[in-house]
Amino acid sequence: MVVRSTELSDAEIDAVFHSLADRTRRDIVAQVVQREQSVSDLAERYAMSFTAVQKHVTVLERASLVHKRRDGRRQIVSADREQLQRAQALLDEYERLWRQRTDQIASILAETPPEGATP
């Protein structure tokens, strides 16, 4: 069964999962959900170059998970809460699907007589 989002296109879903497949990008999202930060401030957190962090932010921006704006010479990154909520709704749908499946498995196992028992 394929889970379909009513709010995200297949391309958007691919972009969200691709961008969140990297731990640095997940951490950047977690950081900017708490408060917007400059790319320079984010870069100080990681053992990588400013340019590498900027590339991670660009990937997140393409997935619409963050927004970037200029404030003088600084690039300020903030979370796109609506896109994050749409992604959360999709993950909730996957969770619902898997809960149904595990409930079905539990039901089948409960009806199955133990090995060696006579039916």
C-alpha atoms as a PDB file:
ATOM      1  CA  MET A   1       0.000   0.000   0.000  1.00  0.00           C
ATOM      2  CA  VAL A   2       1.270   3.444  -0.887  1.00  0.00           C
ATOM      3  CA  VAL A   3       0.559   6.275   1.497  1.00  0.00           C
ATOM      4  CA  ARG A   4      -0.631   9.362  -0.316  1.00  0.00           C
ATOM      5  CA  SER A   5      -0.425  12.816   1.101  1.00  0.00           C
ATOM      6  CA  THR A   6      -3.291  15.152   0.474  1.00  0.00           C
ATOM      7  CA  GLU A   7      -1.043  18.119   1.081  1.00  0.00           C
ATOM      8  CA  LEU A   8       2.309  17.212  -0.490  1.00  0.00           C
ATOM      9  CA  SER A   9       3.033  16.159  -4.050  1.00  0.00           C
ATOM     10  CA  ASP A  10       5.189  13.094  -4.691  1.00  0.00           C
ATOM     11  CA  ALA A  11       8.081  15.403  -5.627  1.00  0.00           C
ATOM     12  CA  GLU A  12       7.677  17.340  -2.370  1.00  0.00           C
ATOM     13  CA  ILE A  13       7.606  14.109  -0.361  1.00  0.00           C
ATOM     14  CA  ASP A  14      10.786  12.939  -2.091  1.00  0.00           C
ATOM     15  CA  ALA A  15      12.464  16.278  -1.349  1.00  0.00           C
ATOM     16  CA  VAL A  16      11.419  16.190   2.330  1.00  0.00           C
ATOM     17  CA  PHE A  17      12.640  12.637   2.909  1.00  0.00           C
ATOM     18  CA  HIS A  18      15.849  13.243   0.943  1.00  0.00           C
ATOM     19  CA  SER A  19      16.647  16.378   2.918  1.00  0.00           C
ATOM     20  CA  LEU A  20      15.888  14.785   6.292  1.00  0.00           C
ATOM     21  CA  ALA A  21      17.940  11.678   5.511  1.00  0.00           C
ATOM     22  CA  ASP A  22      21.041  13.577   6.620  1.00  0.00           C
ATOM     23  CA  ARG A  23      21.701  14.049  10.348  1.00  0.00           C
ATOM     24  CA  THR A  24      23.202  17.524   9.940  1.00  0.00           C
ATOM     25  CA  ARG A  25      20.119  18.711   8.084  1.00  0.00           C
ATOM     26  CA  ARG A  26      17.827  17.182  10.719  1.00  0.00           C
ATOM     27  CA  ASP A  27      19.828  19.007  13.363  1.00  0.00           C
ATOM     28  CA  ILE A  28      19.634  22.287  11.445  1.00  0.00           C
ATOM     29  CA  VAL A  29      15.845  21.929  11.287  1.00  0.00           C
ATOM     30  CA  ALA A  30      15.748  21.219  15.025  1.00  0.00           C
ATOM     31  CA  GLN A  31      17.866  24.308  15.681  1.00  0.00           C
ATOM     32  CA  VAL A  32      15.812  26.700  13.573  1.00  0.00           C
ATOM     33  CA  VAL A  33      12.509  25.357  14.899  1.00  0.00           C
ATOM     34  CA  GLN A  34      13.610  26.679  18.288  1.00  0.00           C
ATOM     35  CA  ARG A  35      14.631  30.062  16.869  1.00  0.00           C
ATOM     36  CA  GLU A  36      15.812  31.506  13.599  1.00  0.00           C
ATOM     37  CA  GLN A  37      19.577  31.611  13.224  1.00  0.00           C
ATOM     38  CA  SER A  38      22.136  32.913  10.804  1.00  0.00           C
ATOM     39  CA  VAL A  39      23.990  30.476   8.588  1.00  0.00           C
ATOM     40  CA  SER A  40      27.186  31.682  10.304  1.00  0.00           C
ATOM     41  CA  ASP A  41      25.795  30.791  13.744  1.00  0.00           C
ATOM     42  CA  LEU A  42      24.735  27.381  12.453  1.00  0.00           C
ATOM     43  CA  ALA A  43      28.167  26.823  10.886  1.00  0.00           C
ATOM     44  CA  GLU A  44      29.845  27.298  14.279  1.00  0.00           C
ATOM     45  CA  ARG A  45      28.026  24.180  15.543  1.00  0.00           C
ATOM     46  CA  TYR A  46      29.459  21.771  13.013  1.00  0.00           C
ATOM     47  CA  ALA A  47      32.922  20.542  12.117  1.00  0.00           C
ATOM     48  CA  MET A  48      32.515  21.595   8.521  1.00  0.00           C
ATOM     49  CA  SER A  49      32.958  24.708   6.455  1.00  0.00           C
ATOM     50  CA  PHE A  50      30.478  27.557   6.203  1.00  0.00           C
ATOM     51  CA  THR A  51      29.976  26.597   2.562  1.00  0.00           C
ATOM     52  CA  ALA A  52      29.090  23.015   3.505  1.00  0.00           C
ATOM     53  CA  VAL A  53      26.509  24.236   6.037  1.00  0.00           C
ATOM     54  CA  GLN A  54      25.166  26.655   3.457  1.00  0.00           C
ATOM     55  CA  LYS A  55      24.707  23.719   1.045  1.00  0.00           C
ATOM     56  CA  HIS A  56      22.765  21.800   3.700  1.00  0.00           C
ATOM     57  CA  VAL A  57      20.530  24.839   4.215  1.00  0.00           C
ATOM     58  CA  THR A  58      19.970  25.029   0.456  1.00  0.00           C
ATOM     59  CA  VAL A  59      18.814  21.396   0.378  1.00  0.00           C
ATOM     60  CA  LEU A  60      16.387  22.135   3.226  1.00  0.00           C
ATOM     61  CA  GLU A  61      15.233  25.261   1.444  1.00  0.00           C
ATOM     62  CA  ARG A  62      14.487  23.279  -1.735  1.00  0.00           C
ATOM     63  CA  ALA A  63      12.298  20.967   0.335  1.00  0.00           C
ATOM     64  CA  SER A  64      10.586  24.077   1.751  1.00  0.00           C
ATOM     65  CA  LEU A  65      11.467  23.002   5.280  1.00  0.00           C
ATOM     66  CA  VAL A  66      13.296  26.255   5.972  1.00  0.00           C
ATOM     67  CA  HIS A  67      13.309  29.793   4.632  1.00  0.00           C
ATOM     68  CA  LYS A  68      16.373  31.940   4.204  1.00  0.00           C
ATOM     69  CA  ARG A  69      16.328  35.739   4.136  1.00  0.00           C
ATOM     70  CA  ARG A  70      18.977  38.418   4.099  1.00  0.00           C
ATOM     71  CA  ASP A  71      19.583  40.708   7.051  1.00  0.00           C
ATOM     72  CA  GLY A  72      22.409  42.936   5.894  1.00  0.00           C
ATOM     73  CA  ARG A  73      25.317  40.603   5.235  1.00  0.00           C
ATOM     74  CA  ARG A  74      23.823  37.778   7.254  1.00  0.00           C
ATOM     75  CA  GLN A  75      21.635  34.980   5.890  1.00  0.00           C
ATOM     76  CA  ILE A  76      18.929  34.189   8.427  1.00  0.00           C
ATOM     77  CA  VAL A  77      17.361  30.714   8.429  1.00  0.00           C
ATOM     78  CA  SER A  78      13.932  30.003   9.890  1.00  0.00           C
ATOM     79  CA  ALA A  79      11.683  26.953   9.902  1.00  0.00           C
ATOM     80  CA  ASP A  80       8.718  26.670   7.554  1.00  0.00           C
ATOM     81  CA  ARG A  81       6.263  25.439  10.154  1.00  0.00           C
ATOM     82  CA  GLU A  82       3.467  24.804   7.642  1.00  0.00           C
ATOM     83  CA  GLN A  83       5.687  22.492   5.572  1.00  0.00           C
ATOM     84  CA  LEU A  84       6.860  20.736   8.734  1.00  0.00           C
ATOM     85  CA  GLN A  85       3.223  20.219   9.756  1.00  0.00           C
ATOM     86  CA  ARG A  86       2.430  18.759   6.313  1.00  0.00           C
ATOM     87  CA  ALA A  87       5.405  16.398   6.657  1.00  0.00           C
ATOM     88  CA  GLN A  88       4.220  15.470  10.157  1.00  0.00           C
ATOM     89  CA  ALA A  89       0.746  14.670   8.782  1.00  0.00           C
ATOM     90  CA  LEU A  90       2.333  12.330   6.230  1.00  0.00           C
ATOM     91  CA  LEU A  91       4.388  10.584   8.921  1.00  0.00           C
ATOM     92  CA  ASP A  92       1.239  10.264  11.034  1.00  0.00           C
ATOM     93  CA  GLU A  93      -0.415   8.513   8.083  1.00  0.00           C
ATOM     94  CA  TYR A  94       2.498   6.056   7.856  1.00  0.00           C
ATOM     95  CA  GLU A  95       2.233   5.449  11.593  1.00  0.00           C
ATOM     96  CA  ARG A  96      -1.529   4.766  11.286  1.00  0.00           C
ATOM     97  CA  LEU A  97      -0.890   2.305   8.440  1.00  0.00           C
ATOM     98  CA  TRP A  98       1.776   0.398  10.383  1.00  0.00           C
ATOM     99  CA  ARG A  99      -0.311   0.322  13.560  1.00  0.00           C
ATOM    100  CA  GLN A 100      -3.144  -1.278  11.563  1.00  0.00           C
ATOM    101  CA  ARG A 101      -0.746  -3.883  10.217  1.00  0.00           C
ATOM    102  CA  THR A 102       0.771  -4.737  13.588  1.00  0.00           C
ATOM    103  CA  ASP A 103      -2.727  -4.932  15.095  1.00  0.00           C
ATOM    104  CA  GLN A 104      -3.695  -7.402  12.336  1.00  0.00           C
ATOM    105  CA  ILE A 105      -0.596  -9.494  13.022  1.00  0.00           C
ATOM    106  CA  ALA A 106      -1.352  -9.486  16.760  1.00  0.00           C
ATOM    107  CA  SER A 107      -4.936 -10.562  16.023  1.00  0.00           C
ATOM    108  CA  ILE A 108      -3.795 -13.438  13.796  1.00  0.00           C
ATOM    109  CA  LEU A 109      -1.266 -14.574  16.404  1.00  0.00           C
ATOM    110  CA  ALA A 110      -3.919 -14.458  19.135  1.00  0.00           C
ATOM    111  CA  GLU A 111      -6.186 -16.731  17.047  1.00  0.00           C
ATOM    112  CA  THR A 112      -3.411 -19.182  16.178  1.00  0.00           C
ATOM    113  CA  PRO A 113      -3.296 -22.164  18.553  1.00  0.00           C
ATOM    114  CA  PRO A 114       0.066 -22.701  20.227  1.00  0.00           C
ATOM    115  CA  GLU A 115       2.369 -25.168  18.520  1.00  0.00           C
ATOM    116  CA  GLY A 116       1.590 -28.732  19.582  1.00  0.00           C
ATOM    117  CA  ALA A 117      -1.971 -27.913  20.713  1.00  0.00           C
ATOM    118  CA  THR A 118      -4.806 -29.937  19.208  1.00  0.00           C
ATOM    119  CA  PRO A 119      -7.305 -27.881  17.234  1.00  0.00           C
END
